[in-house]
Amino acid sequence: MHQIIAIAAGGAVGAVLRFLVSNGVYRVLGRDFPYGTLAVNVLGSLLMGFLFIIFIERELGMAEWRSAILIGLLGAFTTFSTFSMETIALLEAGDVSRAMLNVIISVLLCLTATWVGLSLGRQL
């Protein structure tokens, strides 16, 4: 039961952080491209890779902390469903090139960020 509460608490924090980071990015870069969603997904991927090494491979931290951060916080922070909706919206608006750019950039940057996070975690 403690683990469920930890995941819920982490999810609440992650959702608020997603809102704050995404809107901050949109204020700076504008809304003509899903920059905010891209930013939280790349940052979340980097943190997932890094913290996976710390919490799982190195077995640091209690199970509740691992669950709160990896499942709750980062699960709520990253926004794959938002990414999907924004990509479909671009397609429906007839902006196929931006939709495909969003898919390619998001997948490549998030995979790269996860790899960088794993690499950084392994260097500690």
Protein backbone atom coordinates (compact mmCIF):
# COMPACT_ATOMS: atom_id res chain seq x y z
CA MET A 1 0.00 0.00 0.00
CA HIS A 2 2.90 2.38 0.72
CA GLN A 3 4.15 1.90 -2.82
CA ILE A 4 0.76 2.86 -4.29
CA ILE A 5 0.66 6.04 -2.20
CA ALA A 6 4.23 6.85 -3.26
CA ILE A 7 3.32 6.43 -6.94
CA ALA A 8 0.25 8.65 -6.52
CA ALA A 9 2.27 11.36 -4.76
CA GLY A 10 5.00 11.20 -7.40
CA GLY A 11 2.37 11.38 -10.13
CA ALA A 12 0.86 14.52 -8.63
CA VAL A 13 4.26 16.21 -8.53
CA GLY A 14 5.10 15.05 -12.07
CA ALA A 15 1.86 16.37 -13.50
CA VAL A 16 2.38 19.80 -11.96
CA LEU A 17 6.01 19.89 -13.12
CA ARG A 18 4.91 18.93 -16.65
CA PHE A 19 2.44 21.82 -16.68
CA LEU A 20 5.03 24.32 -15.40
CA VAL A 21 7.89 23.23 -17.67
CA SER A 22 5.76 22.86 -20.77
CA ASN A 23 4.08 26.23 -20.36
CA GLY A 24 7.41 27.87 -19.60
CA VAL A 25 8.83 26.51 -22.84
CA TYR A 26 5.77 27.64 -24.79
CA ARG A 27 6.12 31.16 -23.34
CA VAL A 28 9.70 31.31 -24.62
CA LEU A 29 9.37 29.51 -27.98
CA GLY A 30 5.71 29.98 -28.87
CA ARG A 31 3.01 27.48 -29.77
CA ASP A 32 3.57 27.04 -33.50
CA PHE A 33 5.26 23.67 -32.78
CA PRO A 34 4.81 21.30 -29.79
CA TYR A 35 8.01 22.57 -28.14
CA GLY A 36 6.69 22.19 -24.58
CA THR A 37 5.74 18.56 -25.04
CA LEU A 38 9.02 17.84 -26.79
CA ALA A 39 10.97 19.46 -23.94
CA VAL A 40 9.28 17.48 -21.17
CA ASN A 41 9.57 14.22 -23.09
CA VAL A 42 13.29 14.71 -23.76
CA LEU A 43 14.00 15.83 -20.19
CA GLY A 44 11.89 12.99 -18.81
CA SER A 45 13.74 10.49 -21.01
CA LEU A 46 17.10 11.80 -19.81
CA LEU A 47 16.02 11.57 -16.18
CA MET A 48 14.54 8.10 -16.69
CA GLY A 49 17.81 6.80 -18.10
CA PHE A 50 19.91 8.40 -15.37
CA LEU A 51 17.67 7.49 -12.45
CA PHE A 52 17.14 3.94 -13.73
CA ILE A 53 20.87 3.35 -13.19
CA ILE A 54 20.76 4.88 -9.71
CA PHE A 55 17.60 3.18 -8.47
CA ILE A 56 17.50 -0.12 -10.36
CA GLU A 57 20.98 -1.15 -11.47
CA ARG A 58 22.70 0.20 -8.36
CA GLU A 59 19.73 -0.66 -6.15
CA LEU A 60 19.90 2.64 -4.29
CA GLY A 61 16.86 4.01 -2.53
CA MET A 62 13.84 2.33 -1.05
CA ALA A 63 11.23 0.70 -3.27
CA GLU A 64 8.76 3.47 -2.44
CA TRP A 65 11.18 6.15 -3.67
CA ARG A 66 11.94 4.23 -6.86
CA SER A 67 8.24 3.83 -7.56
CA ALA A 68 7.40 7.43 -6.65
CA ILE A 69 10.03 8.83 -9.00
CA LEU A 70 10.28 6.38 -11.90
CA ILE A 71 6.63 5.38 -12.17
CA GLY A 72 4.76 8.27 -10.56
CA LEU A 73 6.77 11.44 -11.18
CA LEU A 74 8.33 10.59 -14.53
CA GLY A 75 5.24 8.73 -15.72
CA ALA A 76 3.13 11.83 -15.16
CA PHE A 77 5.86 14.23 -16.30
CA THR A 78 6.35 12.74 -19.76
CA THR A 79 3.50 13.21 -22.16
CA PHE A 80 3.26 10.56 -24.83
CA SER A 81 -0.51 10.92 -25.05
CA THR A 82 -0.14 14.69 -25.50
CA PHE A 83 2.55 14.09 -28.12
CA SER A 84 0.17 11.78 -29.95
CA MET A 85 -2.73 14.25 -29.84
CA GLU A 86 -0.58 17.17 -31.00
CA THR A 87 0.80 15.09 -33.87
CA ILE A 88 -2.71 14.08 -34.98
CA ALA A 89 -3.82 17.73 -34.71
CA LEU A 90 -0.97 18.74 -37.04
CA LEU A 91 -1.99 15.99 -39.49
CA GLU A 92 -5.66 17.01 -39.37
CA ALA A 93 -4.63 20.62 -40.02
CA GLY A 94 -2.88 19.39 -43.16
CA ASP A 95 0.59 20.10 -41.78
CA VAL A 96 2.07 16.72 -42.60
CA SER A 97 5.66 17.96 -42.65
CA ARG A 98 5.47 19.38 -39.10
CA ALA A 99 3.69 16.25 -37.88
CA MET A 100 6.42 14.01 -39.27
CA LEU A 101 9.11 16.36 -37.97
CA ASN A 102 7.53 16.11 -34.51
CA VAL A 103 7.55 12.30 -34.65
CA ILE A 104 11.12 12.05 -35.91
CA ILE A 105 12.58 14.66 -33.56
CA SER A 106 10.68 13.35 -30.54
CA VAL A 107 11.65 9.72 -31.04
CA LEU A 108 15.29 10.46 -31.86
CA LEU A 109 15.82 13.00 -29.09
CA CYS A 110 14.03 10.93 -26.44
CA LEU A 111 15.94 7.77 -27.30
CA THR A 112 19.18 9.75 -27.32
CA ALA A 113 18.31 11.44 -24.02
CA THR A 114 17.56 8.08 -22.40
CA TRP A 115 20.91 6.71 -23.63
CA VAL A 116 22.72 9.82 -22.33
CA GLY A 117 20.98 9.43 -18.97
CA LEU A 118 22.00 5.77 -18.78
CA SER A 119 25.57 6.67 -19.72
CA LEU A 120 25.75 9.44 -17.11
CA GLY A 121 24.35 7.15 -14.44
CA ARG A 122 26.90 4.46 -15.26
CA GLN A 123 29.79 6.93 -14.96
CA LEU A 124 29.01 7.67 -11.31
